[in-house]
Protein backbone atom coordinates (compact mmCIF):
# COMPACT_ATOMS: atom_id res chain seq x y z
CA UNK A 1 -66.76 -103.05 2.16
CA UNK A 2 -70.66 -103.66 2.57
CA UNK A 3 -71.81 -103.51 6.11
CA UNK A 4 -75.59 -103.45 5.81
CA UNK A 5 -77.71 -106.63 6.78
CA UNK A 6 -78.10 -108.69 3.57
CA UNK A 7 -81.66 -110.50 2.83
CA UNK A 8 -81.76 -114.27 2.38
CA UNK A 9 -82.44 -113.90 -1.32
CA UNK A 10 -79.22 -111.94 -1.77
CA UNK A 11 -77.27 -115.00 -0.33
CA UNK A 12 -78.86 -118.00 -2.46
CA UNK A 13 -77.10 -117.70 -5.62
CA UNK A 14 -73.71 -117.01 -3.78
CA UNK A 15 -73.87 -119.93 -1.55
CA UNK A 16 -73.99 -122.33 -4.47
CA UNK A 17 -70.62 -121.20 -5.69
CA UNK A 18 -68.85 -122.05 -2.67
CA UNK A 19 -65.66 -123.99 -2.87
CA UNK A 20 -65.23 -127.10 -1.02
CA UNK A 21 -62.03 -128.49 0.86
CA UNK A 22 -59.47 -127.62 3.87
CA UNK A 23 -56.27 -126.32 3.51
CA UNK A 24 -56.56 -126.89 -0.31
CA UNK A 25 -55.07 -124.38 -2.99
CA UNK A 26 -57.93 -122.61 -4.55
CA UNK A 27 -58.54 -120.20 -7.26
CA UNK A 28 -61.25 -117.99 -7.75
CA UNK A 29 -62.31 -114.87 -9.86
CA UNK A 30 -65.49 -113.04 -10.17
CA UNK A 31 -64.96 -111.74 -13.51
CA UNK A 32 -63.23 -113.59 -16.15
CA UNK A 33 -59.17 -113.37 -16.60
CA UNK A 34 -58.91 -111.36 -13.46
CA UNK A 35 -55.96 -113.70 -12.03
CA UNK A 36 -52.47 -113.18 -13.91
CA UNK A 37 -51.42 -116.27 -15.67
CA UNK A 38 -48.22 -117.84 -14.78
CA UNK A 39 -47.06 -115.38 -12.10
CA UNK A 40 -48.14 -114.01 -8.95
CA UNK A 41 -46.97 -110.38 -9.18
CA UNK A 42 -46.91 -109.12 -12.92
CA UNK A 43 -45.85 -105.52 -13.78
CA UNK A 44 -49.48 -104.70 -14.99
CA UNK A 45 -52.13 -106.88 -13.38
CA UNK A 46 -55.44 -107.49 -15.26
CA UNK A 47 -58.11 -104.80 -15.32
CA UNK A 48 -55.25 -102.59 -13.48
CA UNK A 49 -55.65 -104.21 -10.05
CA UNK A 50 -53.01 -104.34 -7.43
CA UNK A 51 -51.33 -107.58 -6.40
CA UNK A 52 -51.21 -108.28 -2.63
CA UNK A 53 -50.18 -111.24 -0.53
CA UNK A 54 -51.33 -112.37 3.02
CA UNK A 55 -48.63 -114.46 4.36
CA UNK A 56 -50.14 -116.85 7.41
CA UNK A 57 -46.77 -118.63 7.72
CA UNK A 58 -43.14 -117.68 7.02
CA UNK A 59 -41.89 -117.49 3.55
CA UNK A 60 -39.58 -120.53 4.11
CA UNK A 61 -41.96 -122.82 5.74
CA UNK A 62 -42.40 -126.21 4.32
CA UNK A 63 -44.97 -126.84 1.47
CA UNK A 64 -47.30 -128.80 3.50
CA UNK A 65 -47.21 -126.19 6.14
CA UNK A 66 -47.43 -122.91 3.91
CA UNK A 67 -50.06 -120.72 4.21
CA UNK A 68 -50.73 -117.62 1.89
CA UNK A 69 -53.32 -115.72 -0.16
CA UNK A 70 -52.64 -113.67 -3.22
CA UNK A 71 -55.33 -111.04 -3.57
CA UNK A 72 -56.07 -108.81 -6.68
CA UNK A 73 -57.22 -105.71 -5.39
CA UNK A 74 -59.18 -102.65 -6.82
CA UNK A 75 -57.03 -100.66 -4.00
CA UNK A 76 -54.23 -101.99 -1.80
CA UNK A 77 -55.01 -102.43 1.94
CA UNK A 78 -52.15 -100.03 2.49
CA UNK A 79 -54.52 -97.03 1.59
CA UNK A 80 -55.66 -96.16 5.08
CA UNK A 81 -55.18 -93.35 7.64
CA UNK A 82 -52.93 -93.77 10.66
CA UNK A 83 -54.34 -96.27 13.23
CA UNK A 84 -55.41 -94.71 16.65
CA UNK A 85 -56.28 -96.20 19.99
CA UNK A 86 -59.98 -97.20 20.27
CA UNK A 87 -61.92 -94.45 22.48
CA UNK A 88 -63.33 -95.57 24.84
CA UNK A 89 -61.36 -98.55 25.23
CA UNK A 90 -63.16 -101.90 25.46
CA UNK A 91 -63.44 -102.59 28.81
CA UNK A 92 -63.86 -106.34 28.74
CA UNK A 93 -61.15 -107.18 26.25
CA UNK A 94 -57.77 -107.61 27.65
CA UNK A 95 -54.24 -107.24 26.22
CA UNK A 96 -52.53 -108.27 29.50
CA UNK A 97 -53.57 -110.92 31.95
CA UNK A 98 -52.31 -110.86 35.50
CA UNK A 99 -53.16 -111.64 39.36
CA UNK A 100 -55.29 -108.34 39.51
CA UNK A 101 -57.65 -109.14 36.75
CA UNK A 102 -57.77 -112.87 36.32
CA UNK A 103 -57.37 -115.89 38.43
CA UNK A 104 -57.05 -119.69 38.17
CA UNK A 105 -59.56 -121.65 40.03
CA UNK A 106 -60.04 -125.59 40.40
CA UNK A 107 -63.96 -124.96 41.26
CA UNK A 108 -66.39 -126.24 38.60
CA UNK A 109 -67.93 -123.16 36.80
CA UNK A 110 -71.08 -122.95 34.82
CA UNK A 111 -72.45 -119.75 33.20
CA UNK A 112 -76.12 -119.19 32.26
CA UNK A 113 -76.77 -117.82 28.59
CA UNK A 114 -75.54 -114.17 28.28
CA UNK A 115 -78.39 -111.86 27.84
CA UNK A 116 -78.68 -109.81 24.46
CA UNK A 117 -77.74 -106.19 25.53
CA UNK A 118 -80.58 -103.56 25.25
CA UNK A 119 -78.38 -100.86 24.03
CA UNK A 120 -76.88 -101.03 20.29
CA UNK A 121 -74.08 -103.66 20.42
CA UNK A 122 -72.08 -105.14 17.43
CA UNK A 123 -69.66 -108.12 17.35
CA UNK A 124 -66.83 -106.27 18.55
CA UNK A 125 -68.61 -104.31 21.33
CA UNK A 126 -70.06 -107.49 22.62
CA UNK A 127 -67.07 -109.72 22.71
CA UNK A 128 -66.08 -110.44 26.16
CA UNK A 129 -62.96 -112.33 27.19
CA UNK A 130 -64.00 -115.22 29.66
CA UNK A 131 -60.84 -117.27 29.88
CA UNK A 132 -57.06 -117.14 29.32
CA UNK A 133 -54.75 -120.19 29.10
CA UNK A 134 -51.78 -120.06 31.35
CA UNK A 135 -48.98 -119.15 29.16
CA UNK A 136 -46.36 -120.61 31.19
CA UNK A 137 -46.20 -124.09 29.54
CA UNK A 138 -42.50 -124.18 28.68
CA UNK A 139 -42.62 -126.74 25.72
CA UNK A 140 -45.27 -124.39 24.30
CA UNK A 141 -43.09 -121.58 24.21
CA UNK A 142 -45.71 -119.39 26.10
CA UNK A 143 -48.32 -119.80 23.46
CA UNK A 144 -51.67 -118.82 24.81
CA UNK A 145 -55.18 -119.07 23.74
CA UNK A 146 -58.39 -116.98 24.52
CA UNK A 147 -61.78 -117.77 24.87
CA UNK A 148 -64.80 -115.43 24.50
CA UNK A 149 -68.46 -115.17 24.45
CA UNK A 150 -70.33 -112.55 22.15
CA UNK A 151 -73.62 -111.08 22.01
CA UNK A 152 -74.90 -108.62 19.53
CA UNK A 153 -77.78 -106.84 18.20
CA UNK A 154 -76.49 -104.68 15.29
CA UNK A 155 -74.19 -105.11 12.27
CA UNK A 156 -70.95 -103.71 12.19
CA UNK A 157 -71.73 -100.34 10.32
CA UNK A 158 -69.05 -98.78 8.16
CA UNK A 159 -66.18 -100.38 10.33
CA UNK A 160 -64.21 -103.77 9.96
CA UNK A 161 -62.03 -105.83 12.67
CA UNK A 162 -58.54 -107.27 12.05
CA UNK A 163 -57.13 -109.86 14.34
CA UNK A 164 -53.42 -109.25 13.88
CA UNK A 165 -52.15 -112.18 15.94
CA UNK A 166 -54.17 -115.09 16.03
CA UNK A 167 -57.10 -117.18 14.15
CA UNK A 168 -60.49 -116.99 15.14
CA UNK A 169 -62.79 -119.85 15.62
CA UNK A 170 -66.56 -118.81 15.58
CA UNK A 171 -69.48 -120.88 17.09
CA UNK A 172 -73.01 -119.07 16.58
CA UNK A 173 -75.49 -120.07 18.92
CA UNK A 174 -78.13 -117.69 18.29
CA UNK A 175 -79.01 -115.80 15.04
CA UNK A 176 -77.03 -116.26 11.55
CA UNK A 177 -73.86 -114.28 10.87
CA UNK A 178 -73.35 -112.54 7.55
CA UNK A 179 -69.48 -112.38 7.48
CA UNK A 180 -67.80 -109.79 4.72
CA UNK A 181 -64.00 -110.84 4.38
CA UNK A 182 -61.34 -109.35 2.20
CA UNK A 183 -62.05 -112.84 0.12
CA UNK A 184 -65.75 -112.86 -0.20
CA UNK A 185 -68.87 -113.37 1.97
CA UNK A 186 -69.91 -116.24 4.28
CA UNK A 187 -73.23 -116.89 5.81
CA UNK A 188 -72.78 -118.93 9.08
CA UNK A 189 -75.77 -120.51 10.81
CA UNK A 190 -76.12 -122.02 14.35
CA UNK A 191 -74.85 -125.67 14.10
CA UNK A 192 -71.98 -124.42 11.77
CA UNK A 193 -68.72 -122.77 12.63
CA UNK A 194 -66.37 -120.71 10.75
CA UNK A 195 -62.44 -120.00 10.99
CA UNK A 196 -61.27 -116.46 10.52
CA UNK A 197 -57.42 -116.62 9.71
CA UNK A 198 -54.98 -114.17 11.26
CA UNK A 199 -54.74 -110.75 9.48
CA UNK A 200 -58.04 -111.31 7.60
CA UNK A 201 -60.25 -108.18 7.79
CA UNK A 202 -64.00 -108.73 8.57
CA UNK A 203 -67.08 -107.22 9.30
CA UNK A 204 -70.20 -109.00 10.61
CA UNK A 205 -73.84 -108.22 9.93
CA UNK A 206 -76.94 -109.79 11.59
CA UNK A 207 -79.87 -110.74 9.00
CA UNK A 208 -81.92 -112.33 11.90
CA UNK A 209 -81.17 -109.60 14.23
CA UNK A 210 -79.85 -110.14 17.92
CA UNK A 211 -77.08 -112.92 18.12
CA UNK A 212 -74.95 -114.88 20.37
CA UNK A 213 -72.07 -117.28 20.50
CA UNK A 214 -68.76 -118.32 21.29
CA UNK A 215 -65.05 -117.55 19.83
CA UNK A 216 -61.82 -119.30 20.41
CA UNK A 217 -58.56 -117.54 19.61
CA UNK A 218 -55.39 -119.36 19.19
CA UNK A 219 -51.86 -117.71 18.72
CA UNK A 220 -48.67 -119.19 16.98
CA UNK A 221 -50.29 -121.92 15.03
CA UNK A 222 -53.23 -122.60 12.72
CA UNK A 223 -56.28 -124.77 12.86
CA UNK A 224 -56.08 -128.10 10.94
CA UNK A 225 -57.98 -131.15 10.60
CA UNK A 226 -57.11 -133.90 13.24
CA UNK A 227 -55.19 -137.23 12.00
CA UNK A 228 -57.36 -139.91 10.89
CA UNK A 229 -56.61 -142.14 13.65
CA UNK A 230 -57.70 -145.83 14.26
CA UNK A 231 -60.88 -145.52 11.84
CA UNK A 232 -58.36 -144.92 9.24
CA UNK A 233 -58.86 -143.31 5.73
CA UNK A 234 -62.43 -142.37 5.90
CA UNK A 235 -62.46 -140.31 9.39
CA UNK A 236 -65.26 -138.52 10.49
CA UNK A 237 -63.25 -134.99 9.96
CA UNK A 238 -63.85 -134.78 6.10
CA UNK A 239 -61.99 -132.07 4.19
CA UNK A 240 -65.23 -131.82 1.96
CA UNK A 241 -67.45 -130.37 4.86
CA UNK A 242 -65.46 -127.31 4.90
CA UNK A 243 -66.58 -124.55 2.47
CA UNK A 244 -64.60 -121.74 1.24
CA UNK A 245 -66.02 -118.48 -0.08
CA UNK A 246 -65.48 -117.62 -3.77
CA UNK A 247 -64.10 -114.19 -4.92
CA UNK A 248 -66.13 -111.08 -4.68
CA UNK A 249 -65.31 -107.39 -5.28
CA UNK A 250 -67.38 -104.18 -4.43
CA UNK A 251 -67.26 -101.08 -6.31
CA UNK A 252 -66.57 -98.12 -3.53
CA UNK A 253 -64.25 -97.02 -1.25
CA UNK A 254 -65.68 -97.95 1.86
CA UNK A 255 -63.24 -132.38 13.31
CA UNK A 256 -64.12 -130.26 13.94
CA UNK A 257 -60.56 -129.14 14.25
CA UNK A 258 -57.33 -129.18 16.09
CA UNK A 259 -54.54 -126.81 16.84
CA UNK A 260 -51.50 -129.08 17.66
CA UNK A 261 -48.41 -128.46 19.96
CA UNK A 262 -44.91 -129.56 19.35
CA UNK A 263 -45.69 -132.54 21.47
CA UNK A 264 -47.15 -135.33 19.84
CA UNK A 265 -50.81 -135.98 20.20
CA UNK A 266 -51.23 -132.92 22.47
CA UNK A 267 -53.40 -130.05 21.27
CA UNK A 268 -53.20 -126.52 22.03
CA UNK A 269 -57.08 -126.31 21.25
CA UNK A 270 -59.33 -129.01 19.89
CA UNK A 271 -62.99 -128.28 19.08
CA UNK A 272 -64.84 -131.26 19.50
CA UNK A 273 -68.85 -131.71 19.07
CA UNK A 274 -71.38 -133.77 20.68
CA UNK A 275 -74.08 -133.95 17.59
CA UNK A 276 -77.36 -136.41 17.55
CA UNK A 277 -76.42 -139.90 17.63
CA UNK A 278 -77.49 -143.47 18.72
CA UNK A 279 -76.23 -144.79 21.89
CA UNK A 280 -75.99 -148.48 21.55
CA UNK A 281 -73.34 -150.40 23.46
CA UNK A 282 -74.65 -153.13 25.63
CA UNK A 283 -73.92 -153.42 29.35
CA UNK A 284 -72.56 -149.98 29.20
CA UNK A 285 -73.10 -146.75 31.07
CA UNK A 286 -74.19 -144.48 28.34
CA UNK A 287 -73.73 -141.02 29.31
CA UNK A 288 -70.22 -139.52 29.62
CA UNK A 289 -68.27 -141.20 32.82
CA UNK A 290 -67.01 -139.27 35.80
CA UNK A 291 -63.90 -137.75 34.70
CA UNK A 292 -60.67 -135.92 35.90
CA UNK A 293 -58.61 -134.69 32.89
CA UNK A 294 -55.09 -133.59 32.44
CA UNK A 295 -56.72 -131.44 29.59
CA UNK A 296 -59.04 -128.18 30.49
CA UNK A 297 -62.55 -128.39 29.18
CA UNK A 298 -64.83 -125.70 28.22
CA UNK A 299 -68.09 -126.77 26.91
CA UNK A 300 -71.10 -124.73 25.22
CA UNK A 301 -74.60 -125.79 24.31
CA UNK A 302 -75.94 -124.75 20.87
CA UNK A 303 -79.07 -126.46 20.91
CA UNK A 304 -81.43 -128.87 23.05
CA UNK A 305 -79.90 -130.53 25.92
CA UNK A 306 -76.88 -132.37 27.09
CA UNK A 307 -76.84 -136.14 27.86
CA UNK A 308 -74.81 -135.56 31.22
CA UNK A 309 -76.82 -132.67 32.53
CA UNK A 310 -80.69 -133.18 33.21
CA UNK A 311 -81.02 -129.36 33.62
CA UNK A 312 -79.22 -126.19 34.37
CA UNK A 313 -77.09 -126.38 31.18
CA UNK A 314 -78.79 -124.16 28.80
CA UNK A 315 -78.36 -123.32 25.17
CA UNK A 316 -76.02 -120.41 24.94
CA UNK A 317 -74.74 -121.17 28.47
CA UNK A 318 -71.11 -122.83 29.28
CA UNK A 319 -69.24 -124.51 31.74
CA UNK A 320 -65.41 -124.75 32.51
CA UNK A 321 -63.67 -127.62 34.15
CA UNK A 322 -59.84 -126.90 34.50
CA UNK A 323 -57.10 -129.71 34.45
CA UNK A 324 -58.08 -132.65 37.20
CA UNK A 325 -61.08 -130.96 38.33
CA UNK A 326 -63.54 -133.63 38.58
CA UNK A 327 -67.01 -133.63 36.76
CA UNK A 328 -69.47 -135.82 34.95
CA UNK A 329 -73.31 -136.61 34.92
CA UNK A 330 -75.41 -134.88 37.58
CA UNK A 331 -77.33 -136.88 39.81
CA UNK A 332 -80.71 -136.89 38.02
CA UNK A 333 -78.89 -138.20 34.94
CA UNK A 334 -76.89 -141.07 37.20
CA UNK A 335 -79.94 -142.20 38.97
CA UNK A 336 -82.04 -142.18 35.76
CA UNK A 337 -79.62 -144.14 33.86
CA UNK A 338 -78.94 -146.74 36.60
CA UNK A 339 -82.72 -147.05 37.09
CA UNK A 340 -83.11 -148.32 33.52
CA UNK A 341 -80.81 -151.02 33.89
CA UNK A 342 -79.49 -153.10 30.95
CA UNK A 343 -82.92 -153.61 29.38
CA UNK A 344 -83.14 -150.00 28.20
CA UNK A 345 -82.00 -150.93 24.74
CA UNK A 346 -80.61 -148.62 22.06
CA UNK A 347 -81.40 -144.96 22.48
CA UNK A 348 -81.18 -142.08 19.97
CA UNK A 349 -80.12 -138.67 21.07
CA UNK A 350 -81.94 -136.32 18.92
CA UNK A 351 -82.26 -132.38 18.76
CA UNK A 352 -79.10 -131.48 20.52
CA UNK A 353 -75.61 -130.11 19.71
CA UNK A 354 -73.12 -129.59 22.31
CA UNK A 355 -69.50 -128.73 21.70
CA UNK A 356 -66.15 -128.57 23.78
CA UNK A 357 -62.76 -126.57 23.63
CA UNK A 358 -60.26 -128.73 25.04
CA UNK A 359 -56.56 -127.50 25.81
CA UNK A 360 -53.58 -128.72 27.49
CA UNK A 361 -53.09 -125.43 29.12
CA UNK A 362 -54.43 -124.13 32.50
CA UNK A 363 -57.13 -121.28 32.14
CA UNK A 364 -57.14 -118.33 33.90
CA UNK A 365 -60.64 -116.89 34.43
CA UNK A 366 -61.35 -113.14 33.96
CA UNK A 367 -62.72 -111.43 37.14
CA UNK A 368 -66.02 -110.03 35.36
CA UNK A 369 -66.64 -113.88 34.44
CA UNK A 370 -66.50 -115.04 38.23
CA UNK A 371 -68.65 -111.77 39.26
CA UNK A 372 -70.88 -112.23 36.30
CA UNK A 373 -74.76 -112.52 37.24
CA UNK A 374 -74.91 -115.31 34.50
CA UNK A 375 -72.63 -117.49 36.71
CA UNK A 376 -74.45 -120.48 38.22
CA UNK A 377 -73.43 -120.19 42.02
CA UNK A 378 -75.45 -123.58 42.78
CA UNK A 379 -73.60 -125.58 39.97
CA UNK A 380 -72.00 -127.79 42.43
CA UNK A 381 -75.13 -128.97 43.95
CA UNK A 382 -75.91 -130.89 40.89
CA UNK A 383 -73.51 -133.61 42.17
CA UNK A 384 -74.44 -133.28 45.96
CA UNK A 385 -77.07 -135.70 45.88
CA UNK A 386 -75.01 -138.63 44.46
CA UNK A 387 -75.09 -141.25 47.10
CA UNK A 388 -73.12 -144.33 47.86
CA UNK A 389 -74.46 -147.67 46.42
CA UNK A 390 -71.64 -149.64 47.82
CA UNK A 391 -72.96 -152.80 49.74
CA UNK A 392 -71.22 -156.07 51.10
CA UNK A 393 -74.39 -157.89 51.61
CA UNK A 394 -74.14 -161.31 50.55
CA UNK A 395 -70.32 -161.00 49.64
CA UNK A 396 -69.54 -163.90 51.83
CA UNK A 397 -71.99 -166.15 50.22
CA UNK A 398 -70.83 -164.99 46.76
CA UNK A 399 -67.29 -165.91 47.64
CA UNK A 400 -68.27 -169.30 48.91
CA UNK A 401 -69.93 -169.97 45.75
CA UNK A 402 -66.83 -168.93 43.69
């Protein structure tokens, strides 16, 4: 597996070969007639290859839900030495969550951007658990999600990572990612996302140097496009906007998406973006309204600013509002919007990209996230200045007129 940084020139022709679609069935071969015809596992595969399948669902899952990939490999993945525990263990990736290492808090939380470390740190070393969803929801059969932030300043050198029990959704905020997988290679830039399905081994190189971003991990289900909803057949989450990497081999040995639950309309995890757009509704408070939500909201900012926060919410930063915790525009945003009145006219939001992971579950926050120097202890102050505009002056006169 190639693990050295790749120049942009190496990627240009490969990018043009991407396949377009989501949950489609694709066939791709790097050399002619490498794929068997009419069967999956012939006695002798072309070119002396090995047939190997990754099953993302059970064999008997219905056709519309069944997920699997057939590989034809130079060597099967079983040719490895015994697995060993990582030494030293990763200090900020947990396998068990309890009262001693995480807690649920209704307080609004916000984190500043995580600093890129000085010491050599790859994607795995720089991944930090921030949040774990509560796994006690009975109708979800105790299915959790995990939220991370990552920082890295070096490529994964002669190593790969396998997530054996969940799907990753990566949201880079700084620096491109050059991701080598068992299927081929992907270049992922800020303002793009990538889904790495359960069981696929991958390595991440950093063609631009230091990188930073966000990760969501889901268990027990897979990401899918949301239903089309009231706008019908031409909904905004288009399968054509998702690109699948073409097959690749090496000589050598080395939406916007949703994850649904069984309860209709309730998401284990929704991924939502807030892109550049026009605000045009008349007689309407344009920024997001004040809100208490039965869902929990984790937000990140990729670039620019966010319309509900005049300052303090920075690219690379994050915020968390768990279920029913009040949140909304800060004082500066509210006062500036009200001062404009109804004569403000249409406004275009430019140079912005924010996103949200929204879940029906209640997060537990890791202790080091609560103790992090990046946490904003004054976040609550952004609302303290909101004053009452309530007045009954002239009320009786108005009633008499009515």
